[in-house]
PDB file of N, CA and C in Angstrom:
ATOM      1  N   MET A   1      14.275   2.118 108.738  1.00  0.00           N
ATOM      2  CA  MET A   1      15.284   3.309 109.469  1.00  0.00           C
ATOM      3  C   MET A   1      15.462   4.168 108.337  1.00  0.00           C
ATOM      4  N   SER A   2      15.572   5.775 108.934  1.00  0.00           N
ATOM      5  CA  SER A   2      16.237   6.657 108.241  1.00  0.00           C
ATOM      6  C   SER A   2      18.007   6.434 108.135  1.00  0.00           C
ATOM      7  N   TYR A   3      18.807   7.443 107.511  1.00  0.00           N
ATOM      8  CA  TYR A   3      20.030   7.214 107.297  1.00  0.00           C
ATOM      9  C   TYR A   3      20.634   7.870 108.926  1.00  0.00           C
ATOM     10  N   VAL A   4      20.074   9.162 109.263  1.00  0.00           N
ATOM     11  CA  VAL A   4      20.818   9.321 110.185  1.00  0.00           C
ATOM     12  C   VAL A   4      20.138   8.726 111.551  1.00  0.00           C
ATOM     13  N   THR A   5      19.271   7.852 111.615  1.00  0.00           N
ATOM     14  CA  THR A   5      18.702   7.088 112.858  1.00  0.00           C
ATOM     15  C   THR A   5      20.247   6.032 112.564  1.00  0.00           C
ATOM     16  N   ARG A   6      20.022   4.735 111.740  1.00  0.00           N
ATOM     17  CA  ARG A   6      20.977   3.952 111.001  1.00  0.00           C
ATOM     18  C   ARG A   6      22.493   4.665 111.842  1.00  0.00           C
ATOM     19  N   ARG A   7      23.008   6.046 110.991  1.00  0.00           N
ATOM     20  CA  ARG A   7      24.428   6.101 111.599  1.00  0.00           C
ATOM     21  C   ARG A   7      24.172   6.350 113.184  1.00  0.00           C
ATOM     22  N   ALA A   8      23.364   7.348 113.772  1.00  0.00           N
ATOM     23  CA  ALA A   8      23.558   7.272 115.254  1.00  0.00           C
ATOM     24  C   ALA A   8      23.918   5.738 115.972  1.00  0.00           C
ATOM     25  N   LEU A   9      22.900   4.941 115.593  1.00  0.00           N
ATOM     26  CA  LEU A   9      23.176   3.817 116.199  1.00  0.00           C
ATOM     27  C   LEU A   9      24.485   2.856 116.104  1.00  0.00           C
ATOM     28  N   SER A  10      25.018   3.247 114.878  1.00  0.00           N
ATOM     29  CA  SER A  10      26.361   2.658 114.487  1.00  0.00           C
ATOM     30  C   SER A  10      27.730   3.110 115.087  1.00  0.00           C
ATOM     31  N   THR A  11      26.907   4.285 115.659  1.00  0.00           N
ATOM     32  CA  THR A  11      28.665   5.061 116.255  1.00  0.00           C
ATOM     33  C   THR A  11      28.717   4.368 117.905  1.00  0.00           C
ATOM     34  N   LEU A  12      27.180   3.841 118.424  1.00  0.00           N
ATOM     35  CA  LEU A  12      27.445   3.384 119.900  1.00  0.00           C
ATOM     36  C   LEU A  12      27.897   2.252 120.025  1.00  0.00           C
ATOM     37  N   ILE A  13      28.078   1.051 118.539  1.00  0.00           N
ATOM     38  CA  ILE A  13      28.708  -0.398 119.087  1.00  0.00           C
ATOM     39  C   ILE A  13      30.129   0.558 118.143  1.00  0.00           C
ATOM     40  N   PRO A  14      30.676  -0.054 119.254  1.00  0.00           N
ATOM     41  CA  PRO A  14      32.501   0.118 118.883  1.00  0.00           C
ATOM     42  C   PRO A  14      32.739  -1.278 117.561  1.00  0.00           C
ATOM     43  N   PRO A  15      33.684  -0.754 116.905  1.00  0.00           N
ATOM     44  CA  PRO A  15      34.150  -1.479 115.527  1.00  0.00           C
ATOM     45  C   PRO A  15      34.371  -2.749 115.524  1.00  0.00           C
ATOM     46  N   LYS A  16      35.194  -2.647 116.664  1.00  0.00           N
ATOM     47  CA  LYS A  16      35.666  -3.906 117.076  1.00  0.00           C
ATOM     48  C   LYS A  16      34.379  -5.207 117.945  1.00  0.00           C
ATOM     49  N   ILE A  17      34.005  -4.714 118.308  1.00  0.00           N
ATOM     50  CA  ILE A  17      32.426  -6.010 119.245  1.00  0.00           C
ATOM     51  C   ILE A  17      31.610  -6.492 118.016  1.00  0.00           C
ATOM     52  N   ALA A  18      31.945  -4.891 116.778  1.00  0.00           N
ATOM     53  CA  ALA A  18      30.485  -5.497 115.509  1.00  0.00           C
ATOM     54  C   ALA A  18      31.080  -5.916 114.455  1.00  0.00           C
ATOM     55  N   SER A  19      32.293  -6.404 114.536  1.00  0.00           N
ATOM     56  CA  SER A  19      33.269  -7.027 113.164  1.00  0.00           C
ATOM     57  C   SER A  19      32.586  -9.031 113.386  1.00  0.00           C
ATOM     58  N   PRO A  20      32.588  -9.216 112.661  1.00  0.00           N
ATOM     59  CA  PRO A  20      32.017 -10.625 112.453  1.00  0.00           C
ATOM     60  C   PRO A  20      33.338 -11.938 113.039  1.00  0.00           C
ATOM     61  N   LYS A  21      34.512 -11.536 112.937  1.00  0.00           N
ATOM     62  CA  LYS A  21      35.675 -12.033 113.632  1.00  0.00           C
ATOM     63  C   LYS A  21      34.733 -12.589 115.022  1.00  0.00           C
ATOM     64  N   ALA A  22      34.800 -11.207 115.843  1.00  0.00           N
ATOM     65  CA  ALA A  22      34.410 -11.276 117.399  1.00  0.00           C
ATOM     66  C   ALA A  22      33.148 -11.705 117.356  1.00  0.00           C
ATOM     67  N   ILE A  23      32.135 -11.850 116.608  1.00  0.00           N
ATOM     68  CA  ILE A  23      30.504 -12.564 116.752  1.00  0.00           C
ATOM     69  C   ILE A  23      31.233 -14.028 116.838  1.00  0.00           C
ATOM     70  N   GLY A  24      32.175 -14.390 115.566  1.00  0.00           N
ATOM     71  CA  GLY A  24      31.631 -16.060 115.148  1.00  0.00           C
ATOM     72  C   GLY A  24      33.090 -16.917 116.667  1.00  0.00           C
ATOM     73  N   ALA A  25      33.591 -15.776 117.042  1.00  0.00           N
ATOM     74  CA  ALA A  25      34.315 -16.724 118.180  1.00  0.00           C
ATOM     75  C   ALA A  25      34.691 -15.833 119.346  1.00  0.00           C
ATOM     76  N   ALA A  26      35.246 -16.788 120.383  1.00  0.00           N
ATOM     77  CA  ALA A  26      35.367 -15.898 121.486  1.00  0.00           C
ATOM     78  C   ALA A  26      36.322 -15.141 121.943  1.00  0.00           C
ATOM     79  N   PRO A  27      36.185 -13.710 121.973  1.00  0.00           N
ATOM     80  CA  PRO A  27      37.386 -12.899 121.572  1.00  0.00           C
ATOM     81  C   PRO A  27      38.170 -12.905 122.791  1.00  0.00           C
ATOM     82  N   ASN A  28      37.259 -13.201 124.055  1.00  0.00           N
ATOM     83  CA  ASN A  28      38.803 -12.758 125.223  1.00  0.00           C
ATOM     84  C   ASN A  28      39.500 -13.696 124.830  1.00  0.00           C
ATOM     85  N   ALA A  29      39.163 -15.252 124.654  1.00  0.00           N
ATOM     86  CA  ALA A  29      40.298 -15.982 124.566  1.00  0.00           C
ATOM     87  C   ALA A  29      41.376 -15.988 123.421  1.00  0.00           C
ATOM     88  N   VAL A  30      41.371 -15.338 122.342  1.00  0.00           N
ATOM     89  CA  VAL A  30      41.887 -14.966 121.211  1.00  0.00           C
ATOM     90  C   VAL A  30      42.988 -13.903 122.196  1.00  0.00           C
ATOM     91  N   ARG A  31      42.059 -12.820 122.404  1.00  0.00           N
ATOM     92  CA  ARG A  31      42.952 -11.693 123.475  1.00  0.00           C
ATOM     93  C   ARG A  31      44.062 -12.089 124.361  1.00  0.00           C
ATOM     94  N   MET A  32      43.366 -13.037 124.795  1.00  0.00           N
ATOM     95  CA  MET A  32      44.440 -13.910 125.714  1.00  0.00           C
ATOM     96  C   MET A  32      45.700 -14.418 125.757  1.00  0.00           C
ATOM     97  N   GLN A  33      45.291 -14.978 124.389  1.00  0.00           N
ATOM     98  CA  GLN A  33      46.379 -15.989 123.478  1.00  0.00           C
ATOM     99  C   GLN A  33      47.411 -15.040 123.047  1.00  0.00           C
ATOM    100  N   ARG A  34      46.691 -13.819 122.720  1.00  0.00           N
ATOM    101  CA  ARG A  34      47.700 -12.882 122.479  1.00  0.00           C
ATOM    102  C   ARG A  34      48.789 -12.547 123.013  1.00  0.00           C
ATOM    103  N   VAL A  35      48.109 -12.275 124.222  1.00  0.00           N
ATOM    104  CA  VAL A  35      49.008 -11.952 125.521  1.00  0.00           C
ATOM    105  C   VAL A  35      50.182 -12.700 126.222  1.00  0.00           C
ATOM    106  N   VAL A  36      49.653 -14.019 126.062  1.00  0.00           N
ATOM    107  CA  VAL A  36      50.091 -14.897 126.625  1.00  0.00           C
ATOM    108  C   VAL A  36      51.290 -15.581 125.610  1.00  0.00           C
ATOM    109  N   ASN A  37      51.421 -15.425 124.696  1.00  0.00           N
ATOM    110  CA  ASN A  37      52.643 -15.789 123.278  1.00  0.00           C
ATOM    111  C   ASN A  37      53.011 -14.481 123.427  1.00  0.00           C
ATOM    112  N   PHE A  38      53.123 -12.920 124.032  1.00  0.00           N
ATOM    113  CA  PHE A  38      53.858 -12.067 124.585  1.00  0.00           C
ATOM    114  C   PHE A  38      54.649 -12.197 125.243  1.00  0.00           C
ATOM    115  N   TYR A  39      54.194 -12.621 126.537  1.00  0.00           N
ATOM    116  CA  TYR A  39      54.789 -12.180 127.468  1.00  0.00           C
ATOM    117  C   TYR A  39      55.802 -14.131 127.305  1.00  0.00           C
ATOM    118  N   GLU A  40      55.459 -15.465 126.461  1.00  0.00           N
ATOM    119  CA  GLU A  40      56.584 -16.297 126.381  1.00  0.00           C
ATOM    120  C   GLU A  40      57.461 -16.231 126.218  1.00  0.00           C
ATOM    121  N   LYS A  41      57.736 -15.068 125.034  1.00  0.00           N
ATOM    122  CA  LYS A  41      59.068 -14.658 124.286  1.00  0.00           C
ATOM    123  C   LYS A  41      59.547 -13.505 125.216  1.00  0.00           C
ATOM    124  N   LEU A  42      59.310 -12.748 126.372  1.00  0.00           N
ATOM    125  CA  LEU A  42      60.398 -12.081 126.950  1.00  0.00           C
ATOM    126  C   LEU A  42      61.789 -12.941 127.957  1.00  0.00           C
ATOM    127  N   PRO A  43      62.792 -12.415 127.655  1.00  0.00           N
ATOM    128  CA  PRO A  43      63.247 -13.009 128.311  1.00  0.00           C
ATOM    129  C   PRO A  43      63.080 -13.502 130.094  1.00  0.00           C
ATOM    130  N   ARG A  44      63.593 -14.092 130.674  1.00  0.00           N
ATOM    131  CA  ARG A  44      63.270 -14.630 131.848  1.00  0.00           C
ATOM    132  C   ARG A  44      64.961 -14.571 132.663  1.00  0.00           C
ATOM    133  N   GLY A  45      64.809 -14.187 134.116  1.00  0.00           N
ATOM    134  CA  GLY A  45      65.746 -14.218 134.581  1.00  0.00           C
ATOM    135  C   GLY A  45      66.093 -12.683 135.108  1.00  0.00           C
ATOM    136  N   PRO A  46      67.359 -12.658 136.187  1.00  0.00           N
ATOM    137  CA  PRO A  46      67.679 -10.830 135.843  1.00  0.00           C
ATOM    138  C   PRO A  46      68.201 -11.094 134.947  1.00  0.00           C
ATOM    139  N   ALA A  47      67.880  -9.111 134.339  1.00  0.00           N
ATOM    140  CA  ALA A  47      68.744  -8.836 133.096  1.00  0.00           C
ATOM    141  C   ALA A  47      70.173  -8.677 134.058  1.00  0.00           C
ATOM    142  N   PRO A  48      70.967  -8.429 132.652  1.00  0.00           N
ATOM    143  CA  PRO A  48      72.685  -8.979 132.725  1.00  0.00           C
ATOM    144  C   PRO A  48      72.951  -7.464 132.607  1.00  0.00           C
ATOM    145  N   GLU A  49      74.029  -7.174 133.521  1.00  0.00           N
ATOM    146  CA  GLU A  49      74.723  -5.794 134.064  1.00  0.00           C
ATOM    147  C   GLU A  49      75.084  -5.462 132.966  1.00  0.00           C
ATOM    148  N   ILE A  50      74.558  -3.862 132.958  1.00  0.00           N
ATOM    149  CA  ILE A  50      75.548  -2.598 131.798  1.00  0.00           C
ATOM    150  C   ILE A  50      76.448  -2.372 132.315  1.00  0.00           C
ATOM    151  N   GLN A  51      77.696  -2.571 131.357  1.00  0.00           N
ATOM    152  CA  GLN A  51      78.866  -2.428 131.392  1.00  0.00           C
ATOM    153  C   GLN A  51      79.020  -0.704 131.130  1.00  0.00           C
ATOM    154  N   PRO A  52      79.942  -0.096 132.000  1.00  0.00           N
ATOM    155  CA  PRO A  52      80.060   1.312 132.042  1.00  0.00           C
ATOM    156  C   PRO A  52      80.767   1.825 130.909  1.00  0.00           C
ATOM    157  N   LYS A  53      80.233   2.931 130.249  1.00  0.00           N
ATOM    158  CA  LYS A  53      81.025   3.507 128.666  1.00  0.00           C
ATOM    159  C   LYS A  53      81.250   4.780 129.162  1.00  0.00           C
ATOM    160  N   GLY A  54      82.756   5.365 128.611  1.00  0.00           N
ATOM    161  CA  GLY A  54      83.217   6.433 129.084  1.00  0.00           C
ATOM    162  C   GLY A  54      83.771   6.442 130.068  1.00  0.00           C
ATOM    163  N   PHE A  55      84.209   7.858 130.949  1.00  0.00           N
ATOM    164  CA  PHE A  55      84.621   8.601 131.988  1.00  0.00           C
ATOM    165  C   PHE A  55      84.037   8.219 132.564  1.00  0.00           C
ATOM    166  N   LEU A  56      82.844   9.586 132.743  1.00  0.00           N
ATOM    167  CA  LEU A  56      81.852   9.883 133.852  1.00  0.00           C
ATOM    168  C   LEU A  56      81.232   8.673 134.376  1.00  0.00           C
ATOM    169  N   ALA A  57      80.725   7.172 133.291  1.00  0.00           N
ATOM    170  CA  ALA A  57      80.354   6.694 133.739  1.00  0.00           C
ATOM    171  C   ALA A  57      81.184   5.513 134.502  1.00  0.00           C
ATOM    172  N   LYS A  58      82.463   4.960 134.244  1.00  0.00           N
ATOM    173  CA  LYS A  58      83.228   4.082 134.677  1.00  0.00           C
ATOM    174  C   LYS A  58      83.656   4.769 136.283  1.00  0.00           C
ATOM    175  N   TYR A  59      83.309   6.618 136.043  1.00  0.00           N
ATOM    176  CA  TYR A  59      83.923   6.890 137.764  1.00  0.00           C
ATOM    177  C   TYR A  59      82.914   6.816 138.519  1.00  0.00           C
ATOM    178  N   GLN A  60      81.583   6.838 137.775  1.00  0.00           N
ATOM    179  CA  GLN A  60      80.158   6.756 139.110  1.00  0.00           C
ATOM    180  C   GLN A  60      79.998   5.599 139.520  1.00  0.00           C
ATOM    181  N   ALA A  61      80.379   4.389 138.403  1.00  0.00           N
ATOM    182  CA  ALA A  61      80.404   2.979 138.900  1.00  0.00           C
ATOM    183  C   ALA A  61      81.483   2.711 139.939  1.00  0.00           C
ATOM    184  N   LYS A  62      82.314   3.399 139.349  1.00  0.00           N
ATOM    185  CA  LYS A  62      83.962   2.769 140.752  1.00  0.00           C
ATOM    186  C   LYS A  62      83.372   2.785 142.257  1.00  0.00           C
ATOM    187  N   HIS A  63      83.102   4.904 141.799  1.00  0.00           N
ATOM    188  CA  HIS A  63      83.096   5.441 143.398  1.00  0.00           C
ATOM    189  C   HIS A  63      81.465   5.252 143.871  1.00  0.00           C
ATOM    190  N   PHE A  64      80.593   5.092 143.301  1.00  0.00           N
ATOM    191  CA  PHE A  64      79.490   5.514 143.730  1.00  0.00           C
ATOM    192  C   PHE A  64      78.363   4.522 143.624  1.00  0.00           C
ATOM    193  N   GLY A  65      78.949   3.061 142.926  1.00  0.00           N
ATOM    194  CA  GLY A  65      77.788   1.742 143.179  1.00  0.00           C
ATOM    195  C   GLY A  65      77.813   0.957 144.403  1.00  0.00           C
ATOM    196  N   LYS A  66      78.404  -0.092 143.885  1.00  0.00           N
ATOM    197  CA  LYS A  66      78.336  -1.149 145.118  1.00  0.00           C
ATOM    198  C   LYS A  66      79.521  -0.587 146.596  1.00  0.00           C
ATOM    199  N   ASN A  67      80.620  -0.496 145.593  1.00  0.00           N
ATOM    200  CA  ASN A  67      81.770   0.285 146.583  1.00  0.00           C
ATOM    201  C   ASN A  67      81.779   1.237 146.885  1.00  0.00           C
ATOM    202  N   ALA A  68      80.910   2.123 147.852  1.00  0.00           N
ATOM    203  CA  ALA A  68      80.888   3.694 147.963  1.00  0.00           C
ATOM    204  C   ALA A  68      81.724   4.289 148.625  1.00  0.00           C
ATOM    205  N   SER A  69      82.718   5.015 148.263  1.00  0.00           N
ATOM    206  CA  SER A  69      83.964   5.962 149.167  1.00  0.00           C
ATOM    207  C   SER A  69      83.803   6.770 149.266  1.00  0.00           C
ATOM    208  N   GLY A  70      84.630   7.717 150.292  1.00  0.00           N
ATOM    209  CA  GLY A  70      84.716   9.189 150.273  1.00  0.00           C
ATOM    210  C   GLY A  70      85.153  10.147 148.921  1.00  0.00           C
ATOM    211  N   LYS A  71      86.146   9.191 148.169  1.00  0.00           N
ATOM    212  CA  LYS A  71      87.344   9.776 147.331  1.00  0.00           C
ATOM    213  C   LYS A  71      86.017  10.848 146.660  1.00  0.00           C
ATOM    214  N   PRO A  72      85.483  10.767 146.510  1.00  0.00           N
ATOM    215  CA  PRO A  72      85.008  11.985 146.022  1.00  0.00           C
ATOM    216  C   PRO A  72      85.048  13.217 145.957  1.00  0.00           C
ATOM    217  N   ILE A  73      84.526  13.184 147.303  1.00  0.00           N
ATOM    218  CA  ILE A  73      84.294  14.329 148.309  1.00  0.00           C
ATOM    219  C   ILE A  73      86.016  14.969 148.204  1.00  0.00           C
ATOM    220  N   VAL A  74      87.144  13.773 148.229  1.00  0.00           N
ATOM    221  CA  VAL A  74      88.683  14.171 148.362  1.00  0.00           C
ATOM    222  C   VAL A  74      88.934  15.256 146.938  1.00  0.00           C
ATOM    223  N   HIS A  75      88.341  14.217 145.762  1.00  0.00           N
ATOM    224  CA  HIS A  75      88.791  14.775 144.402  1.00  0.00           C
ATOM    225  C   HIS A  75      88.127  15.714 144.255  1.00  0.00           C
ATOM    226  N   ALA A  76      87.239  16.190 145.095  1.00  0.00           N
ATOM    227  CA  ALA A  76      86.237  17.812 144.237  1.00  0.00           C
ATOM    228  C   ALA A  76      86.890  18.729 145.057  1.00  0.00           C
ATOM    229  N   ILE A  77      87.470  18.484 146.456  1.00  0.00           N
ATOM    230  CA  ILE A  77      88.446  19.522 147.087  1.00  0.00           C
ATOM    231  C   ILE A  77      89.441  19.493 146.454  1.00  0.00           C
ATOM    232  N   LEU A  78      90.279  18.604 145.940  1.00  0.00           N
ATOM    233  CA  LEU A  78      91.383  18.797 144.888  1.00  0.00           C
ATOM    234  C   LEU A  78      91.065  19.301 143.687  1.00  0.00           C
ATOM    235  N   ILE A  79      89.697  19.429 143.219  1.00  0.00           N
ATOM    236  CA  ILE A  79      89.759  20.014 142.210  1.00  0.00           C
ATOM    237  C   ILE A  79      89.433  21.727 141.987  1.00  0.00           C
ATOM    238  N   VAL A  80      88.684  21.800 143.310  1.00  0.00           N
ATOM    239  CA  VAL A  80      88.453  23.376 142.989  1.00  0.00           C
ATOM    240  C   VAL A  80      89.910  24.097 144.019  1.00  0.00           C
ATOM    241  N   PHE A  81      90.622  23.081 144.374  1.00  0.00           N
ATOM    242  CA  PHE A  81      92.222  23.979 144.819  1.00  0.00           C
ATOM    243  C   PHE A  81      92.837  24.164 143.331  1.00  0.00           C
ATOM    244  N   LEU A  82      93.080  23.570 142.494  1.00  0.00           N
ATOM    245  CA  LEU A  82      93.773  23.618 141.545  1.00  0.00           C
ATOM    246  C   LEU A  82      93.438  24.521 140.414  1.00  0.00           C
ATOM    247  N   ILE A  83      91.856  24.458 140.540  1.00  0.00           N
ATOM    248  CA  ILE A  83      91.347  25.865 139.617  1.00  0.00           C
ATOM    249  C   ILE A  83      91.442  27.177 140.284  1.00  0.00           C
ATOM    250  N   GLY A  84      91.863  26.983 141.459  1.00  0.00           N
ATOM    251  CA  GLY A  84      91.688  28.262 142.720  1.00  0.00           C
ATOM    252  C   GLY A  84      93.060  28.617 142.261  1.00  0.00           C
ATOM    253  N   TYR A  85      93.967  27.633 142.160  1.00  0.00           N
ATOM    254  CA  TYR A  85      95.466  28.123 142.260  1.00  0.00           C
ATOM    255  C   TYR A  85      95.772  28.367 140.744  1.00  0.00           C
ATOM    256  N   ALA A  86      95.151  27.409 139.726  1.00  0.00           N
ATOM    257  CA  ALA A  86      95.605  28.471 138.375  1.00  0.00           C
ATOM    258  C   ALA A  86      95.298  29.554 138.516  1.00  0.00           C
ATOM    259  N   ASN A  87      93.703  29.851 138.498  1.00  0.00           N
ATOM    260  CA  ASN A  87      92.593  31.049 138.591  1.00  0.00           C
ATOM    261  C   ASN A  87      93.922  32.402 139.726  1.00  0.00           C
ATOM    262  N   ASN A  88      94.173  31.947 140.637  1.00  0.00           N
ATOM    263  CA  ASN A  88      95.286  32.836 140.933  1.00  0.00           C
ATOM    264  C   ASN A  88      96.948  33.210 140.412  1.00  0.00           C
ATOM    265  N   TYR A  89      97.196  32.409 140.035  1.00  0.00           N
ATOM    266  CA  TYR A  89      98.878  32.267 139.167  1.00  0.00           C
ATOM    267  C   TYR A  89      98.141  33.695 138.037  1.00  0.00           C
ATOM    268  N   TYR A  90      97.341  32.759 137.321  1.00  0.00           N
ATOM    269  CA  TYR A  90      96.429  33.770 135.792  1.00  0.00           C
ATOM    270  C   TYR A  90      96.835  35.127 136.504  1.00  0.00           C
ATOM    271  N   PHE A  91      96.055  35.242 136.998  1.00  0.00           N
ATOM    272  CA  PHE A  91      95.420  37.045 137.741  1.00  0.00           C
ATOM    273  C   PHE A  91      96.207  37.674 138.703  1.00  0.00           C
ATOM    274  N   HIS A  92      97.233  36.661 139.069  1.00  0.00           N
ATOM    275  CA  HIS A  92      98.532  37.993 140.212  1.00  0.00           C
ATOM    276  C   HIS A  92      99.884  37.549 140.134  1.00  0.00           C
ATOM    277  N   LEU A  93      99.964  35.673 140.249  1.00  0.00           N
ATOM    278  CA  LEU A  93     101.119  35.098 140.927  1.00  0.00           C
ATOM    279  C   LEU A  93     102.111  35.825 139.652  1.00  0.00           C
ATOM    280  N   ARG A  94     101.997  35.804 138.397  1.00  0.00           N
ATOM    281  CA  ARG A  94     102.493  35.374 137.276  1.00  0.00           C
ATOM    282  C   ARG A  94     103.248  36.765 136.995  1.00  0.00           C
ATOM    283  N   HIS A  95     102.757  37.976 138.150  1.00  0.00           N
ATOM    284  CA  HIS A  95     102.817  39.418 137.469  1.00  0.00           C
ATOM    285  C   HIS A  95     104.416  39.145 138.480  1.00  0.00           C
ATOM    286  N   HIS A  96     104.618  38.440 139.272  1.00  0.00           N
ATOM    287  CA  HIS A  96     105.292  38.534 140.623  1.00  0.00           C
ATOM    288  C   HIS A  96     106.768  37.449 140.170  1.00  0.00           C
ATOM    289  N   LYS A  97     106.630  37.122 139.378  1.00  0.00           N
ATOM    290  CA  LYS A  97     107.474  36.061 138.740  1.00  0.00           C
ATOM    291  C   LYS A  97     109.021  36.820 138.768  1.00  0.00           C
ATOM    292  N   ASN A  98     109.261  37.610 137.892  1.00  0.00           N
ATOM    293  CA  ASN A  98     110.265  38.549 138.123  1.00  0.00           C
ATOM    294  C   ASN A  98     110.839  39.873 138.782  1.00  0.00           C
ATOM    295  N   ASN A  99     109.574  40.038 139.379  1.00  0.00           N
ATOM    296  CA  ASN A  99     109.696  41.737 139.752  1.00  0.00           C
ATOM    297  C   ASN A  99     109.192  41.653 141.256  1.00  0.00           C
ATOM    298  N   ALA A 100     109.834  42.054 142.495  1.00  0.00           N
ATOM    299  CA  ALA A 100     109.003  42.614 143.695  1.00  0.00           C
ATOM    300  C   ALA A 100     107.690  43.248 143.713  1.00  0.00           C
ATOM    301  N   HIS A 101     106.887  43.295 144.467  1.00  0.00           N
ATOM    302  CA  HIS A 101     105.907  43.699 144.276  1.00  0.00           C
ATOM    303  C   HIS A 101     105.795  45.200 145.242  1.00  0.00           C
TER     304      HIS A 101
END
């Protein structure tokens, strides 16, 4: 056989199938044993609950989690009101503190 023919045939056979280890032993049994070993090492049971860290995570866990409520809507309305009042004060009301309009 010429070099070109041998090279062409060798690319048709994947290297793992043509290896001496795969020919001598049952490759599926070894592969399955690796999969079984991997899954045996995984933890069993439900995953532990992740404790929230930070202000937003705690707020979300408190108001949007298991005990969902309408408080975030009230909080959003109050924040918009406070920002609006502060904006109005800065651009308009502070000029009327001592003088009539």
